[in-house]
Amino acid sequence: MEYTDIKEGSKVFPGEYLYHIPSKDIVICGSYDSENDVLKALYRGRLIRDNIKNFQKIKLSKEEQKNKRTKRTCGSCKRRR
């Protein structure tokens, strides 16, 4: 897992997981105001508002994406075996 800086003009979508540098924790993006460089995110049940420079995008490797996809099951398939 790598963290990349959010550059000007890059897209940030609501619901996307981001790394918040000051709190050193992963947050969920709520909204992004590119004109004012402000991002609202959900952090431990609270809404925080901070400068876009304090956030980084999370980039997963191909293996991590594959492992994440295979682990995503509801559990009903396991019970049928």
PDB file of N, CA and C in Angstrom:
ATOM      1  N   MET A   1       0.847  -1.168   0.000  1.00  0.00           N
ATOM      2  CA  MET A   1       0.000   0.000   0.000  1.00  0.00           C
ATOM      3  C   MET A   1       0.894   1.233   0.000  1.00  0.00           C
ATOM      4  N   GLU A   2       0.625   2.101  -0.919  1.00  0.00           N
ATOM      5  CA  GLU A   2       1.398   3.343  -1.036  1.00  0.00           C
ATOM      6  C   GLU A   2       0.461   4.533  -0.888  1.00  0.00           C
ATOM      7  N   TYR A   3       1.019   5.638  -0.451  1.00  0.00           N
ATOM      8  CA  TYR A   3       0.262   6.878  -0.332  1.00  0.00           C
ATOM      9  C   TYR A   3       0.812   7.866  -1.346  1.00  0.00           C
ATOM     10  N   THR A   4      -0.087   8.473  -2.133  1.00  0.00           N
ATOM     11  CA  THR A   4       0.335   9.455  -3.121  1.00  0.00           C
ATOM     12  C   THR A   4      -0.342  10.789  -2.840  1.00  0.00           C
ATOM     13  N   ASP A   5       0.366  11.859  -3.086  1.00  0.00           N
ATOM     14  CA  ASP A   5      -0.179  13.194  -2.873  1.00  0.00           C
ATOM     15  C   ASP A   5      -1.293  13.484  -3.858  1.00  0.00           C
ATOM     16  N   ILE A   6      -2.258  14.273  -3.428  1.00  0.00           N
ATOM     17  CA  ILE A   6      -3.354  14.680  -4.292  1.00  0.00           C
ATOM     18  C   ILE A   6      -2.924  15.959  -4.995  1.00  0.00           C
ATOM     19  N   LYS A   7      -2.742  15.863  -6.295  1.00  0.00           N
ATOM     20  CA  LYS A   7      -2.259  16.995  -7.064  1.00  0.00           C
ATOM     21  C   LYS A   7      -3.429  17.813  -7.573  1.00  0.00           C
ATOM     22  N   GLU A   8      -3.125  19.023  -7.990  1.00  0.00           N
ATOM     23  CA  GLU A   8      -4.158  19.910  -8.524  1.00  0.00           C
ATOM     24  C   GLU A   8      -4.714  19.319  -9.810  1.00  0.00           C
ATOM     25  N   GLY A   9      -6.016  19.248  -9.882  1.00  0.00           N
ATOM     26  CA  GLY A   9      -6.666  18.696 -11.061  1.00  0.00           C
ATOM     27  C   GLY A   9      -6.994  17.218 -10.945  1.00  0.00           C
ATOM     28  N   SER A  10      -6.480  16.538  -9.916  1.00  0.00           N
ATOM     29  CA  SER A  10      -6.815  15.119  -9.760  1.00  0.00           C
ATOM     30  C   SER A  10      -8.198  14.978  -9.142  1.00  0.00           C
ATOM     31  N   LYS A  11      -8.842  13.864  -9.411  1.00  0.00           N
ATOM     32  CA  LYS A  11     -10.207  13.654  -8.958  1.00  0.00           C
ATOM     33  C   LYS A  11     -10.222  12.905  -7.629  1.00  0.00           C
ATOM     34  N   VAL A  12     -11.053  13.382  -6.732  1.00  0.00           N
ATOM     35  CA  VAL A  12     -11.294  12.734  -5.449  1.00  0.00           C
ATOM     36  C   VAL A  12     -12.798  12.532  -5.356  1.00  0.00           C
ATOM     37  N   PHE A  13     -13.211  11.294  -5.116  1.00  0.00           N
ATOM     38  CA  PHE A  13     -14.623  10.966  -5.127  1.00  0.00           C
ATOM     39  C   PHE A  13     -15.162  10.755  -3.718  1.00  0.00           C
ATOM     40  N   PRO A  14     -16.405  11.131  -3.461  1.00  0.00           N
ATOM     41  CA  PRO A  14     -17.022  10.844  -2.158  1.00  0.00           C
ATOM     42  C   PRO A  14     -17.086   9.341  -1.928  1.00  0.00           C
ATOM     43  N   GLY A  15     -16.766   8.924  -0.712  1.00  0.00           N
ATOM     44  CA  GLY A  15     -16.745   7.511  -0.375  1.00  0.00           C
ATOM     45  C   GLY A  15     -15.386   6.866  -0.545  1.00  0.00           C
ATOM     46  N   GLU A  16     -14.452   7.605  -1.089  1.00  0.00           N
ATOM     47  CA  GLU A  16     -13.100   7.082  -1.309  1.00  0.00           C
ATOM     48  C   GLU A  16     -12.308   7.148  -0.001  1.00  0.00           C
ATOM     49  N   TYR A  17     -11.504   6.127   0.253  1.00  0.00           N
ATOM     50  CA  TYR A  17     -10.667   6.116   1.445  1.00  0.00           C
ATOM     51  C   TYR A  17      -9.407   6.934   1.195  1.00  0.00           C
ATOM     52  N   LEU A  18      -9.073   7.801   2.150  1.00  0.00           N
ATOM     53  CA  LEU A  18      -7.890   8.654   2.064  1.00  0.00           C
ATOM     54  C   LEU A  18      -7.101   8.561   3.355  1.00  0.00           C
ATOM     55  N   TYR A  19      -5.819   8.907   3.279  1.00  0.00           N
ATOM     56  CA  TYR A  19      -4.961   8.941   4.460  1.00  0.00           C
ATOM     57  C   TYR A  19      -4.860  10.387   4.944  1.00  0.00           C
ATOM     58  N   HIS A  20      -5.188  10.623   6.224  1.00  0.00           N
ATOM     59  CA  HIS A  20      -5.120  11.961   6.810  1.00  0.00           C
ATOM     60  C   HIS A  20      -3.800  12.061   7.560  1.00  0.00           C
ATOM     61  N   ILE A  21      -2.911  12.912   7.112  1.00  0.00           N
ATOM     62  CA  ILE A  21      -1.548  13.002   7.632  1.00  0.00           C
ATOM     63  C   ILE A  21      -1.491  13.454   9.092  1.00  0.00           C
ATOM     64  N   PRO A  22      -2.191  14.521   9.513  1.00  0.00           N
ATOM     65  CA  PRO A  22      -2.071  14.947  10.919  1.00  0.00           C
ATOM     66  C   PRO A  22      -2.560  13.902  11.927  1.00  0.00           C
ATOM     67  N   SER A  23      -3.626  13.191  11.611  1.00  0.00           N
ATOM     68  CA  SER A  23      -4.146  12.190  12.552  1.00  0.00           C
ATOM     69  C   SER A  23      -3.511  10.824  12.335  1.00  0.00           C
ATOM     70  N   LYS A  24      -2.796  10.641  11.232  1.00  0.00           N
ATOM     71  CA  LYS A  24      -2.155   9.374  10.869  1.00  0.00           C
ATOM     72  C   LYS A  24      -3.163   8.240  10.846  1.00  0.00           C
ATOM     73  N   ASP A  25      -4.311   8.496  10.208  1.00  0.00           N
ATOM     74  CA  ASP A  25      -5.387   7.519  10.155  1.00  0.00           C
ATOM     75  C   ASP A  25      -6.086   7.587   8.806  1.00  0.00           C
ATOM     76  N   ILE A  26      -6.816   6.535   8.477  1.00  0.00           N
ATOM     77  CA  ILE A  26      -7.554   6.478   7.227  1.00  0.00           C
ATOM     78  C   ILE A  26      -8.955   7.032   7.452  1.00  0.00           C
ATOM     79  N   VAL A  27      -9.406   7.893   6.540  1.00  0.00           N
ATOM     80  CA  VAL A  27     -10.715   8.547   6.635  1.00  0.00           C
ATOM     81  C   VAL A  27     -11.494   8.292   5.353  1.00  0.00           C
ATOM     82  N   ILE A  28     -12.784   8.605   5.383  1.00  0.00           N
ATOM     83  CA  ILE A  28     -13.635   8.474   4.205  1.00  0.00           C
ATOM     84  C   ILE A  28     -13.955   9.870   3.682  1.00  0.00           C
ATOM     85  N   CYS A  29     -13.727  10.076   2.397  1.00  0.00           N
ATOM     86  CA  CYS A  29     -13.967  11.378   1.776  1.00  0.00           C
ATOM     87  C   CYS A  29     -15.457  11.671   1.719  1.00  0.00           C
ATOM     88  N   GLY A  30     -15.816  12.884   2.121  1.00  0.00           N
ATOM     89  CA  GLY A  30     -17.208  13.313   2.054  1.00  0.00           C
ATOM     90  C   GLY A  30     -17.447  14.217   0.868  1.00  0.00           C
ATOM     91  N   SER A  31     -16.716  15.317   0.784  1.00  0.00           N
ATOM     92  CA  SER A  31     -16.828  16.225  -0.351  1.00  0.00           C
ATOM     93  C   SER A  31     -15.498  16.934  -0.555  1.00  0.00           C
ATOM     94  N   TYR A  32     -15.289  17.379  -1.779  1.00  0.00           N
ATOM     95  CA  TYR A  32     -14.037  18.024  -2.147  1.00  0.00           C
ATOM     96  C   TYR A  32     -14.357  19.316  -2.871  1.00  0.00           C
ATOM     97  N   ASP A  33     -13.862  20.434  -2.335  1.00  0.00           N
ATOM     98  CA  ASP A  33     -14.046  21.749  -2.943  1.00  0.00           C
ATOM     99  C   ASP A  33     -12.715  22.153  -3.565  1.00  0.00           C
ATOM    100  N   SER A  34     -12.589  21.973  -4.870  1.00  0.00           N
ATOM    101  CA  SER A  34     -11.317  22.227  -5.550  1.00  0.00           C
ATOM    102  C   SER A  34     -10.975  23.717  -5.629  1.00  0.00           C
ATOM    103  N   GLU A  35     -11.981  24.582  -5.608  1.00  0.00           N
ATOM    104  CA  GLU A  35     -11.714  26.021  -5.688  1.00  0.00           C
ATOM    105  C   GLU A  35     -11.019  26.526  -4.430  1.00  0.00           C
ATOM    106  N   ASN A  36     -11.442  26.046  -3.267  1.00  0.00           N
ATOM    107  CA  ASN A  36     -10.860  26.491  -2.000  1.00  0.00           C
ATOM    108  C   ASN A  36      -9.855  25.504  -1.434  1.00  0.00           C
ATOM    109  N   ASP A  37      -9.596  24.399  -2.120  1.00  0.00           N
ATOM    110  CA  ASP A  37      -8.699  23.330  -1.659  1.00  0.00           C
ATOM    111  C   ASP A  37      -9.073  22.828  -0.271  1.00  0.00           C
ATOM    112  N   VAL A  38     -10.359  22.570  -0.069  1.00  0.00           N
ATOM    113  CA  VAL A  38     -10.860  22.074   1.215  1.00  0.00           C
ATOM    114  C   VAL A  38     -11.543  20.735   0.985  1.00  0.00           C
ATOM    115  N   LEU A  39     -11.267  19.806   1.878  1.00  0.00           N
ATOM    116  CA  LEU A  39     -11.868  18.491   1.786  1.00  0.00           C
ATOM    117  C   LEU A  39     -12.568  18.176   3.097  1.00  0.00           C
ATOM    118  N   LYS A  40     -13.799  17.668   3.013  1.00  0.00           N
ATOM    119  CA  LYS A  40     -14.525  17.222   4.194  1.00  0.00           C
ATOM    120  C   LYS A  40     -14.453  15.708   4.222  1.00  0.00           C
ATOM    121  N   ALA A  41     -14.169  15.158   5.415  1.00  0.00           N
ATOM    122  CA  ALA A  41     -14.027  13.716   5.534  1.00  0.00           C
ATOM    123  C   ALA A  41     -14.619  13.231   6.851  1.00  0.00           C
ATOM    124  N   LEU A  42     -14.967  11.964   6.875  1.00  0.00           N
ATOM    125  CA  LEU A  42     -15.508  11.336   8.071  1.00  0.00           C
ATOM    126  C   LEU A  42     -14.361  10.650   8.808  1.00  0.00           C
ATOM    127  N   TYR A  43     -14.129  11.083  10.048  1.00  0.00           N
ATOM    128  CA  TYR A  43     -13.032  10.556  10.859  1.00  0.00           C
ATOM    129  C   TYR A  43     -13.574  10.186  12.233  1.00  0.00           C
ATOM    130  N   ARG A  44     -13.611   8.887  12.519  1.00  0.00           N
ATOM    131  CA  ARG A  44     -14.090   8.363  13.806  1.00  0.00           C
ATOM    132  C   ARG A  44     -15.477   8.876  14.171  1.00  0.00           C
ATOM    133  N   GLY A  45     -16.360   8.905  13.190  1.00  0.00           N
ATOM    134  CA  GLY A  45     -17.734   9.318  13.417  1.00  0.00           C
ATOM    135  C   GLY A  45     -17.968  10.816  13.404  1.00  0.00           C
ATOM    136  N   ARG A  46     -16.933  11.601  13.200  1.00  0.00           N
ATOM    137  CA  ARG A  46     -17.068  13.057  13.146  1.00  0.00           C
ATOM    138  C   ARG A  46     -16.686  13.554  11.765  1.00  0.00           C
ATOM    139  N   LEU A  47     -17.264  14.654  11.380  1.00  0.00           N
ATOM    140  CA  LEU A  47     -16.936  15.277  10.111  1.00  0.00           C
ATOM    141  C   LEU A  47     -15.820  16.289  10.334  1.00  0.00           C
ATOM    142  N   ILE A  48     -14.716  16.102   9.640  1.00  0.00           N
ATOM    143  CA  ILE A  48     -13.601  17.047   9.749  1.00  0.00           C
ATOM    144  C   ILE A  48     -13.470  17.789   8.434  1.00  0.00           C
ATOM    145  N   ARG A  49     -12.946  18.988   8.512  1.00  0.00           N
ATOM    146  CA  ARG A  49     -12.730  19.837   7.342  1.00  0.00           C
ATOM    147  C   ARG A  49     -11.288  20.308   7.404  1.00  0.00           C
ATOM    148  N   ASP A  50     -10.528  19.986   6.353  1.00  0.00           N
ATOM    149  CA  ASP A  50      -9.104  20.285   6.384  1.00  0.00           C
ATOM    150  C   ASP A  50      -8.611  20.606   4.976  1.00  0.00           C
ATOM    151  N   ASN A  51      -7.418  21.159   4.903  1.00  0.00           N
ATOM    152  CA  ASN A  51      -6.791  21.502   3.640  1.00  0.00           C
ATOM    153  C   ASN A  51      -6.443  20.235   2.875  1.00  0.00           C
ATOM    154  N   ILE A  52      -6.525  20.277   1.567  1.00  0.00           N
ATOM    155  CA  ILE A  52      -6.275  19.109   0.725  1.00  0.00           C
ATOM    156  C   ILE A  52      -4.835  18.620   0.840  1.00  0.00           C
ATOM    157  N   LYS A  53      -3.920  19.484   1.233  1.00  0.00           N
ATOM    158  CA  LYS A  53      -2.514  19.104   1.381  1.00  0.00           C
ATOM    159  C   LYS A  53      -2.309  18.116   2.522  1.00  0.00           C
ATOM    160  N   ASN A  54      -3.267  18.039   3.444  1.00  0.00           N
ATOM    161  CA  ASN A  54      -3.157  17.130   4.584  1.00  0.00           C
ATOM    162  C   ASN A  54      -3.725  15.739   4.302  1.00  0.00           C
ATOM    163  N   PHE A  55      -4.086  15.464   3.055  1.00  0.00           N
ATOM    164  CA  PHE A  55      -4.640  14.172   2.680  1.00  0.00           C
ATOM    165  C   PHE A  55      -3.797  13.549   1.583  1.00  0.00           C
ATOM    166  N   GLN A  56      -3.781  12.214   1.542  1.00  0.00           N
ATOM    167  CA  GLN A  56      -3.108  11.481   0.478  1.00  0.00           C
ATOM    168  C   GLN A  56      -4.010  10.354   0.001  1.00  0.00           C
ATOM    169  N   LYS A  57      -3.913  10.046  -1.292  1.00  0.00           N
ATOM    170  CA  LYS A  57      -4.667   8.929  -1.851  1.00  0.00           C
ATOM    171  C   LYS A  57      -3.964   7.628  -1.508  1.00  0.00           C
ATOM    172  N   ILE A  58      -4.753   6.555  -1.402  1.00  0.00           N
ATOM    173  CA  ILE A  58      -4.212   5.237  -1.108  1.00  0.00           C
ATOM    174  C   ILE A  58      -4.155   4.454  -2.414  1.00  0.00           C
ATOM    175  N   LYS A  59      -2.972   3.938  -2.730  1.00  0.00           N
ATOM    176  CA  LYS A  59      -2.787   3.167  -3.954  1.00  0.00           C
ATOM    177  C   LYS A  59      -2.416   1.737  -3.577  1.00  0.00           C
ATOM    178  N   LEU A  60      -3.248   0.779  -4.013  1.00  0.00           N
ATOM    179  CA  LEU A  60      -2.998  -0.626  -3.741  1.00  0.00           C
ATOM    180  C   LEU A  60      -2.276  -1.266  -4.917  1.00  0.00           C
ATOM    181  N   SER A  61      -1.411  -2.244  -4.623  1.00  0.00           N
ATOM    182  CA  SER A  61      -0.748  -2.977  -5.692  1.00  0.00           C
ATOM    183  C   SER A  61      -1.738  -3.956  -6.318  1.00  0.00           C
ATOM    184  N   LYS A  62      -1.367  -4.549  -7.428  1.00  0.00           N
ATOM    185  CA  LYS A  62      -2.247  -5.495  -8.126  1.00  0.00           C
ATOM    186  C   LYS A  62      -2.572  -6.698  -7.240  1.00  0.00           C
ATOM    187  N   GLU A  63      -1.582  -7.191  -6.495  1.00  0.00           N
ATOM    188  CA  GLU A  63      -1.810  -8.344  -5.609  1.00  0.00           C
ATOM    189  C   GLU A  63      -2.784  -7.995  -4.488  1.00  0.00           C
ATOM    190  N   GLU A  64      -2.637  -6.805  -3.913  1.00  0.00           N
ATOM    191  CA  GLU A  64      -3.533  -6.378  -2.845  1.00  0.00           C
ATOM    192  C   GLU A  64      -4.964  -6.224  -3.353  1.00  0.00           C
ATOM    193  N   GLN A  65      -5.126  -5.712  -4.572  1.00  0.00           N
ATOM    194  CA  GLN A  65      -6.457  -5.581  -5.155  1.00  0.00           C
ATOM    195  C   GLN A  65      -7.083  -6.952  -5.386  1.00  0.00           C
ATOM    196  N   LYS A  66      -6.278  -7.904  -5.854  1.00  0.00           N
ATOM    197  CA  LYS A  66      -6.774  -9.248  -6.115  1.00  0.00           C
ATOM    198  C   LYS A  66      -7.186  -9.936  -4.819  1.00  0.00           C
ATOM    199  N   ASN A  67      -6.365  -9.823  -3.780  1.00  0.00           N
ATOM    200  CA  ASN A  67      -6.688 -10.428  -2.488  1.00  0.00           C
ATOM    201  C   ASN A  67      -7.938  -9.811  -1.880  1.00  0.00           C
ATOM    202  N   LYS A  68      -8.094  -8.524  -2.022  1.00  0.00           N
ATOM    203  CA  LYS A  68      -9.265  -7.836  -1.480  1.00  0.00           C
ATOM    204  C   LYS A  68     -10.534  -8.303  -2.184  1.00  0.00           C
ATOM    205  N   ARG A  69     -10.453  -8.504  -3.480  1.00  0.00           N
ATOM    206  CA  ARG A  69     -11.605  -8.931  -4.270  1.00  0.00           C
ATOM    207  C   ARG A  69     -12.037 -10.347  -3.902  1.00  0.00           C
ATOM    208  N   THR A  70     -11.096 -11.246  -3.666  1.00  0.00           N
ATOM    209  CA  THR A  70     -11.447 -12.630  -3.348  1.00  0.00           C
ATOM    210  C   THR A  70     -11.999 -12.774  -1.937  1.00  0.00           C
ATOM    211  N   LYS A  71     -11.653 -11.896  -1.037  1.00  0.00           N
ATOM    212  CA  LYS A  71     -12.131 -11.978   0.342  1.00  0.00           C
ATOM    213  C   LYS A  71     -13.510 -11.373   0.524  1.00  0.00           C
ATOM    214  N   ARG A  72     -14.018 -10.684  -0.481  1.00  0.00           N
ATOM    215  CA  ARG A  72     -15.313 -10.021  -0.391  1.00  0.00           C
ATOM    216  C   ARG A  72     -16.447 -10.987  -0.693  1.00  0.00           C
ATOM    217  N   THR A  73     -16.955 -11.668   0.310  1.00  0.00           N
ATOM    218  CA  THR A  73     -18.111 -12.541   0.120  1.00  0.00           C
ATOM    219  C   THR A  73     -19.085 -12.309   1.255  1.00  0.00           C
ATOM    220  N   CYS A  74     -20.318 -12.666   1.004  1.00  0.00           N
ATOM    221  CA  CYS A  74     -21.347 -12.476   2.019  1.00  0.00           C
ATOM    222  C   CYS A  74     -21.375 -13.637   3.000  1.00  0.00           C
ATOM    223  N   GLY A  75     -20.784 -14.769   2.621  1.00  0.00           N
ATOM    224  CA  GLY A  75     -20.751 -15.922   3.509  1.00  0.00           C
ATOM    225  C   GLY A  75     -21.734 -16.999   3.129  1.00  0.00           C
ATOM    226  N   SER A  76     -22.713 -16.703   2.295  1.00  0.00           N
ATOM    227  CA  SER A  76     -23.703 -17.718   1.943  1.00  0.00           C
ATOM    228  C   SER A  76     -23.085 -18.805   1.067  1.00  0.00           C
ATOM    229  N   CYS A  77     -22.103 -18.478   0.272  1.00  0.00           N
ATOM    230  CA  CYS A  77     -21.443 -19.481  -0.581  1.00  0.00           C
ATOM    231  C   CYS A  77     -20.664 -20.476   0.284  1.00  0.00           C
ATOM    232  N   LYS A  78     -20.097 -20.023   1.367  1.00  0.00           N
ATOM    233  CA  LYS A  78     -19.336 -20.905   2.252  1.00  0.00           C
ATOM    234  C   LYS A  78     -20.245 -21.926   2.921  1.00  0.00           C
ATOM    235  N   ARG A  79     -21.444 -21.540   3.236  1.00  0.00           N
ATOM    236  CA  ARG A  79     -22.382 -22.436   3.917  1.00  0.00           C
ATOM    237  C   ARG A  79     -22.919 -23.514   3.002  1.00  0.00           C
ATOM    238  N   ARG A  80     -22.908 -23.296   1.691  1.00  0.00           N
ATOM    239  CA  ARG A  80     -23.463 -24.255   0.735  1.00  0.00           C
ATOM    240  C   ARG A  80     -22.536 -25.426   0.468  1.00  0.00           C
ATOM    241  N   ARG A  81     -21.278 -25.309   0.787  1.00  0.00           N
ATOM    242  CA  ARG A  81     -20.304 -26.379   0.487  1.00  0.00           C
ATOM    243  C   ARG A  81     -20.493 -27.579   1.343  1.00  0.00           C
TER     244      ARG A  81
END
